[in-house]
Amino acid sequence: MRMALLLHRLGLSSDLLHGLGFGSMLTAISLWGRSAVTDNRDSRARAERLAIFIGLWPPTFFLLGKVLQDIETTPEEQAEHTRQAKGGTPERKPAPSASPA
C-alpha cells in the first residue's frame, strides 16, 4: 500500500499503469516472435530470456494500477461499479412519498 500511495503522490495514474501492463505484454510477444526468426542460437536464447523477463511485468503493473484505481475512486463509486459488474441496476433513491394531509 505504501508503494501505491507513493506512486499516487508522484502523480502516476491507474490508466498509465494499466497501459504499461498492456505495453509490456505486447513487447514480450514481439521479442518472442523476433527470437523465432533469428538463426544465431545465442541471440535466440538471449531474446527468449528477455521476452520471458518482460513477460513477468504485466501482473505487477495491473495490480498496482488496480490499487491506484481504488485510491482514485470514492467508496460510493466503487460500490456502483460493483453493482454494474454484477449486472445490477444503478441504485436509485426512492421518490419522496407525499404524506397525507
N, C-alpha and C. Protein backbone atom coordinates (compact mmCIF):
# COMPACT_ATOMS: atom_id res chain seq x y z
N MET A 1 0.82 -1.19 0.00
CA MET A 1 0.00 0.00 0.00
C MET A 1 0.87 1.27 0.00
N ARG A 2 1.98 1.20 0.70
CA ARG A 2 2.86 2.37 0.75
C ARG A 2 3.39 2.72 -0.64
N MET A 3 3.72 1.67 -1.39
CA MET A 3 4.24 1.91 -2.74
C MET A 3 3.17 2.57 -3.60
N ALA A 4 1.93 2.11 -3.48
CA ALA A 4 0.84 2.70 -4.28
C ALA A 4 0.61 4.16 -3.87
N LEU A 5 0.66 4.44 -2.59
CA LEU A 5 0.48 5.82 -2.13
C LEU A 5 1.61 6.71 -2.64
N LEU A 6 2.82 6.18 -2.65
CA LEU A 6 3.96 6.93 -3.18
C LEU A 6 3.76 7.22 -4.67
N LEU A 7 3.33 6.20 -5.42
CA LEU A 7 3.08 6.39 -6.85
C LEU A 7 1.98 7.41 -7.08
N HIS A 8 0.97 7.38 -6.23
CA HIS A 8 -0.14 8.34 -6.34
C HIS A 8 0.36 9.76 -6.07
N ARG A 9 1.21 9.92 -5.05
CA ARG A 9 1.77 11.24 -4.73
C ARG A 9 2.67 11.75 -5.85
N LEU A 10 3.32 10.82 -6.55
CA LEU A 10 4.20 11.20 -7.66
C LEU A 10 3.41 11.58 -8.91
N GLY A 11 2.10 11.36 -8.88
CA GLY A 11 1.26 11.77 -9.99
C GLY A 11 0.96 10.69 -11.02
N LEU A 12 1.35 9.44 -10.74
CA LEU A 12 1.04 8.37 -11.67
C LEU A 12 -0.42 7.99 -11.54
N SER A 13 -1.04 7.63 -12.65
CA SER A 13 -2.46 7.27 -12.63
C SER A 13 -2.63 5.78 -12.90
N SER A 14 -3.81 5.28 -12.58
CA SER A 14 -4.10 3.86 -12.82
C SER A 14 -4.11 3.58 -14.32
N ASP A 15 -4.56 4.53 -15.12
CA ASP A 15 -4.57 4.34 -16.57
C ASP A 15 -3.16 4.14 -17.12
N LEU A 16 -2.21 4.89 -16.60
CA LEU A 16 -0.83 4.76 -17.04
C LEU A 16 -0.30 3.36 -16.72
N LEU A 17 -0.54 2.89 -15.50
CA LEU A 17 -0.03 1.58 -15.11
C LEU A 17 -0.71 0.46 -15.88
N HIS A 18 -2.01 0.59 -16.14
CA HIS A 18 -2.67 -0.42 -16.96
C HIS A 18 -2.10 -0.41 -18.38
N GLY A 19 -1.82 0.77 -18.90
CA GLY A 19 -1.20 0.88 -20.22
C GLY A 19 0.18 0.25 -20.26
N LEU A 20 0.95 0.44 -19.20
CA LEU A 20 2.27 -0.19 -19.12
C LEU A 20 2.15 -1.71 -19.09
N GLY A 21 1.11 -2.21 -18.43
CA GLY A 21 0.89 -3.65 -18.39
C GLY A 21 0.63 -4.20 -19.79
N PHE A 22 -0.27 -3.54 -20.53
CA PHE A 22 -0.55 -3.99 -21.89
C PHE A 22 0.67 -3.82 -22.79
N GLY A 23 1.39 -2.73 -22.60
CA GLY A 23 2.59 -2.49 -23.40
C GLY A 23 3.66 -3.54 -23.17
N SER A 24 3.85 -3.95 -21.92
CA SER A 24 4.86 -4.98 -21.66
C SER A 24 4.43 -6.33 -22.21
N MET A 25 3.12 -6.59 -22.24
CA MET A 25 2.66 -7.83 -22.87
C MET A 25 3.00 -7.84 -24.36
N LEU A 26 2.70 -6.72 -25.02
CA LEU A 26 3.00 -6.63 -26.46
C LEU A 26 4.50 -6.69 -26.73
N THR A 27 5.28 -6.07 -25.86
CA THR A 27 6.73 -6.10 -26.02
C THR A 27 7.26 -7.52 -25.88
N ALA A 28 6.77 -8.25 -24.88
CA ALA A 28 7.22 -9.62 -24.68
C ALA A 28 6.86 -10.50 -25.88
N ILE A 29 5.65 -10.32 -26.40
CA ILE A 29 5.23 -11.12 -27.56
C ILE A 29 6.07 -10.79 -28.78
N SER A 30 6.35 -9.50 -28.98
CA SER A 30 7.16 -9.13 -30.15
C SER A 30 8.60 -9.63 -30.01
N LEU A 31 9.16 -9.59 -28.80
CA LEU A 31 10.52 -10.12 -28.61
C LEU A 31 10.56 -11.62 -28.83
N TRP A 32 9.54 -12.30 -28.37
CA TRP A 32 9.47 -13.75 -28.57
C TRP A 32 9.36 -14.07 -30.06
N GLY A 33 8.51 -13.32 -30.77
CA GLY A 33 8.37 -13.53 -32.21
C GLY A 33 9.65 -13.23 -32.96
N ARG A 34 10.34 -12.21 -32.51
CA ARG A 34 11.61 -11.84 -33.14
C ARG A 34 12.68 -12.91 -32.91
N SER A 35 12.61 -13.55 -31.75
CA SER A 35 13.61 -14.59 -31.46
C SER A 35 13.40 -15.81 -32.35
N ALA A 36 12.18 -16.03 -32.81
CA ALA A 36 11.89 -17.20 -33.63
C ALA A 36 12.55 -17.12 -35.01
N VAL A 37 12.80 -15.92 -35.50
CA VAL A 37 13.37 -15.77 -36.84
C VAL A 37 14.89 -15.60 -36.81
N THR A 38 15.49 -15.62 -35.63
CA THR A 38 16.93 -15.45 -35.51
C THR A 38 17.62 -16.80 -35.73
N ASP A 39 18.67 -16.79 -36.54
CA ASP A 39 19.39 -18.02 -36.84
C ASP A 39 20.44 -18.33 -35.78
N ASN A 40 21.03 -17.30 -35.21
CA ASN A 40 22.07 -17.49 -34.21
C ASN A 40 21.46 -18.04 -32.92
N ARG A 41 22.00 -19.15 -32.46
CA ARG A 41 21.45 -19.82 -31.27
C ARG A 41 21.56 -18.96 -30.01
N ASP A 42 22.69 -18.29 -29.85
CA ASP A 42 22.89 -17.46 -28.66
C ASP A 42 21.96 -16.25 -28.67
N SER A 43 21.80 -15.64 -29.82
CA SER A 43 20.89 -14.49 -29.93
C SER A 43 19.45 -14.92 -29.66
N ARG A 44 19.09 -16.08 -30.14
CA ARG A 44 17.73 -16.59 -29.92
C ARG A 44 17.49 -16.82 -28.43
N ALA A 45 18.43 -17.45 -27.76
CA ALA A 45 18.28 -17.72 -26.33
C ALA A 45 18.20 -16.43 -25.53
N ARG A 46 19.04 -15.46 -25.89
CA ARG A 46 19.02 -14.17 -25.20
C ARG A 46 17.68 -13.46 -25.40
N ALA A 47 17.15 -13.47 -26.62
CA ALA A 47 15.87 -12.81 -26.91
C ALA A 47 14.73 -13.51 -26.18
N GLU A 48 14.78 -14.84 -26.11
CA GLU A 48 13.73 -15.57 -25.39
C GLU A 48 13.76 -15.27 -23.91
N ARG A 49 14.96 -15.21 -23.33
CA ARG A 49 15.06 -14.88 -21.90
C ARG A 49 14.57 -13.46 -21.62
N LEU A 50 14.89 -12.53 -22.50
CA LEU A 50 14.42 -11.16 -22.34
C LEU A 50 12.89 -11.09 -22.45
N ALA A 51 12.32 -11.86 -23.40
CA ALA A 51 10.87 -11.89 -23.56
C ALA A 51 10.20 -12.46 -22.30
N ILE A 52 10.77 -13.49 -21.73
CA ILE A 52 10.21 -14.06 -20.51
C ILE A 52 10.32 -13.06 -19.36
N PHE A 53 11.46 -12.40 -19.25
CA PHE A 53 11.66 -11.41 -18.18
C PHE A 53 10.63 -10.29 -18.28
N ILE A 54 10.45 -9.75 -19.47
CA ILE A 54 9.48 -8.66 -19.65
C ILE A 54 8.05 -9.18 -19.49
N GLY A 55 7.83 -10.44 -19.84
CA GLY A 55 6.51 -11.05 -19.67
C GLY A 55 6.10 -11.20 -18.22
N LEU A 56 7.03 -11.07 -17.31
CA LEU A 56 6.70 -11.14 -15.88
C LEU A 56 6.20 -9.81 -15.32
N TRP A 57 6.34 -8.74 -16.04
CA TRP A 57 5.97 -7.41 -15.55
C TRP A 57 4.47 -7.13 -15.52
N PRO A 58 3.67 -7.58 -16.49
CA PRO A 58 2.26 -7.17 -16.52
C PRO A 58 1.47 -7.37 -15.22
N PRO A 59 1.58 -8.51 -14.54
CA PRO A 59 0.79 -8.65 -13.31
C PRO A 59 1.09 -7.55 -12.28
N THR A 60 2.35 -7.17 -12.18
CA THR A 60 2.72 -6.11 -11.24
C THR A 60 2.10 -4.78 -11.64
N PHE A 61 2.19 -4.44 -12.93
CA PHE A 61 1.59 -3.19 -13.40
C PHE A 61 0.08 -3.19 -13.20
N PHE A 62 -0.57 -4.32 -13.52
CA PHE A 62 -2.03 -4.38 -13.38
C PHE A 62 -2.46 -4.29 -11.92
N LEU A 63 -1.74 -4.96 -11.03
CA LEU A 63 -2.10 -4.89 -9.61
C LEU A 63 -1.89 -3.49 -9.04
N LEU A 64 -0.77 -2.87 -9.36
CA LEU A 64 -0.55 -1.50 -8.90
C LEU A 64 -1.57 -0.56 -9.51
N GLY A 65 -1.93 -0.79 -10.77
CA GLY A 65 -2.96 0.03 -11.40
C GLY A 65 -4.31 -0.12 -10.71
N LYS A 66 -4.64 -1.34 -10.30
CA LYS A 66 -5.91 -1.57 -9.60
C LYS A 66 -5.91 -0.88 -8.24
N VAL A 67 -4.80 -0.95 -7.54
CA VAL A 67 -4.72 -0.28 -6.23
C VAL A 67 -4.85 1.23 -6.41
N LEU A 68 -4.17 1.79 -7.41
CA LEU A 68 -4.31 3.23 -7.67
C LEU A 68 -5.73 3.58 -8.09
N GLN A 69 -6.36 2.70 -8.84
CA GLN A 69 -7.75 2.94 -9.25
C GLN A 69 -8.65 2.99 -8.01
N ASP A 70 -8.40 2.11 -7.05
CA ASP A 70 -9.18 2.14 -5.80
C ASP A 70 -8.92 3.41 -5.00
N ILE A 71 -7.68 3.90 -5.03
CA ILE A 71 -7.35 5.13 -4.32
C ILE A 71 -8.04 6.32 -4.99
N GLU A 72 -8.11 6.30 -6.33
CA GLU A 72 -8.65 7.42 -7.09
C GLU A 72 -10.17 7.55 -7.00
N THR A 73 -10.86 6.45 -6.72
CA THR A 73 -12.33 6.50 -6.69
C THR A 73 -12.85 6.53 -5.26
N THR A 74 -14.02 7.10 -5.11
CA THR A 74 -14.66 7.15 -3.79
C THR A 74 -15.34 5.81 -3.50
N PRO A 75 -15.62 5.52 -2.24
CA PRO A 75 -16.32 4.27 -1.92
C PRO A 75 -17.68 4.14 -2.63
N GLU A 76 -18.37 5.25 -2.81
CA GLU A 76 -19.66 5.20 -3.49
C GLU A 76 -19.49 4.79 -4.95
N GLU A 77 -18.45 5.34 -5.61
CA GLU A 77 -18.18 4.97 -7.00
C GLU A 77 -17.79 3.50 -7.10
N GLN A 78 -17.01 3.01 -6.14
CA GLN A 78 -16.62 1.61 -6.13
C GLN A 78 -17.83 0.71 -5.98
N ALA A 79 -18.75 1.08 -5.10
CA ALA A 79 -19.97 0.28 -4.91
C ALA A 79 -20.80 0.27 -6.18
N GLU A 80 -20.88 1.40 -6.86
CA GLU A 80 -21.64 1.49 -8.11
C GLU A 80 -21.02 0.61 -9.19
N HIS A 81 -19.69 0.62 -9.30
CA HIS A 81 -19.01 -0.23 -10.28
C HIS A 81 -19.27 -1.70 -9.98
N THR A 82 -19.27 -2.06 -8.70
CA THR A 82 -19.52 -3.45 -8.32
C THR A 82 -20.93 -3.86 -8.70
N ARG A 83 -21.89 -2.99 -8.43
CA ARG A 83 -23.28 -3.30 -8.80
C ARG A 83 -23.42 -3.50 -10.30
N GLN A 84 -22.80 -2.63 -11.07
CA GLN A 84 -22.88 -2.73 -12.52
C GLN A 84 -22.19 -3.99 -13.03
N ALA A 85 -21.07 -4.36 -12.41
CA ALA A 85 -20.35 -5.55 -12.83
C ALA A 85 -21.15 -6.82 -12.55
N LYS A 86 -21.94 -6.80 -11.49
CA LYS A 86 -22.77 -7.95 -11.15
C LYS A 86 -24.05 -7.99 -11.96
N GLY A 87 -24.25 -7.02 -12.82
CA GLY A 87 -25.43 -7.00 -13.66
C GLY A 87 -26.63 -6.33 -13.01
N GLY A 88 -26.40 -5.66 -11.93
CA GLY A 88 -27.49 -4.97 -11.25
C GLY A 88 -27.78 -3.63 -11.90
N THR A 89 -28.82 -3.04 -11.46
CA THR A 89 -29.17 -1.72 -11.97
C THR A 89 -28.59 -0.66 -11.06
N PRO A 90 -28.36 0.51 -11.59
CA PRO A 90 -27.85 1.58 -10.74
C PRO A 90 -28.81 1.86 -9.59
N GLU A 91 -28.22 2.17 -8.47
CA GLU A 91 -29.04 2.44 -7.29
C GLU A 91 -29.81 3.74 -7.49
N ARG A 92 -31.12 3.66 -7.22
CA ARG A 92 -31.96 4.84 -7.33
C ARG A 92 -32.52 5.17 -5.96
N LYS A 93 -32.52 6.41 -5.68
CA LYS A 93 -33.10 6.84 -4.41
C LYS A 93 -34.61 6.84 -4.55
N PRO A 94 -35.31 6.35 -3.53
CA PRO A 94 -36.76 6.32 -3.65
C PRO A 94 -37.32 7.75 -3.71
N ALA A 95 -38.37 7.87 -4.50
CA ALA A 95 -39.02 9.17 -4.63
C ALA A 95 -39.69 9.51 -3.32
N PRO A 96 -39.63 10.79 -2.94
CA PRO A 96 -40.26 11.16 -1.68
C PRO A 96 -41.77 10.92 -1.78
N SER A 97 -42.29 10.28 -0.77
CA SER A 97 -43.73 9.98 -0.80
C SER A 97 -44.49 11.20 -0.25
N ALA A 98 -45.60 11.42 -0.86
CA ALA A 98 -46.44 12.54 -0.42
C ALA A 98 -47.17 12.10 0.84
N SER A 99 -46.98 12.84 1.88
CA SER A 99 -47.64 12.49 3.12
C SER A 99 -49.08 13.01 3.09
N PRO A 100 -50.02 12.17 3.54
CA PRO A 100 -51.41 12.60 3.52
C PRO A 100 -51.63 13.77 4.45
N ALA A 101 -52.38 14.72 4.00
CA ALA A 101 -52.62 15.93 4.79
C ALA A 101 -53.91 15.87 5.54
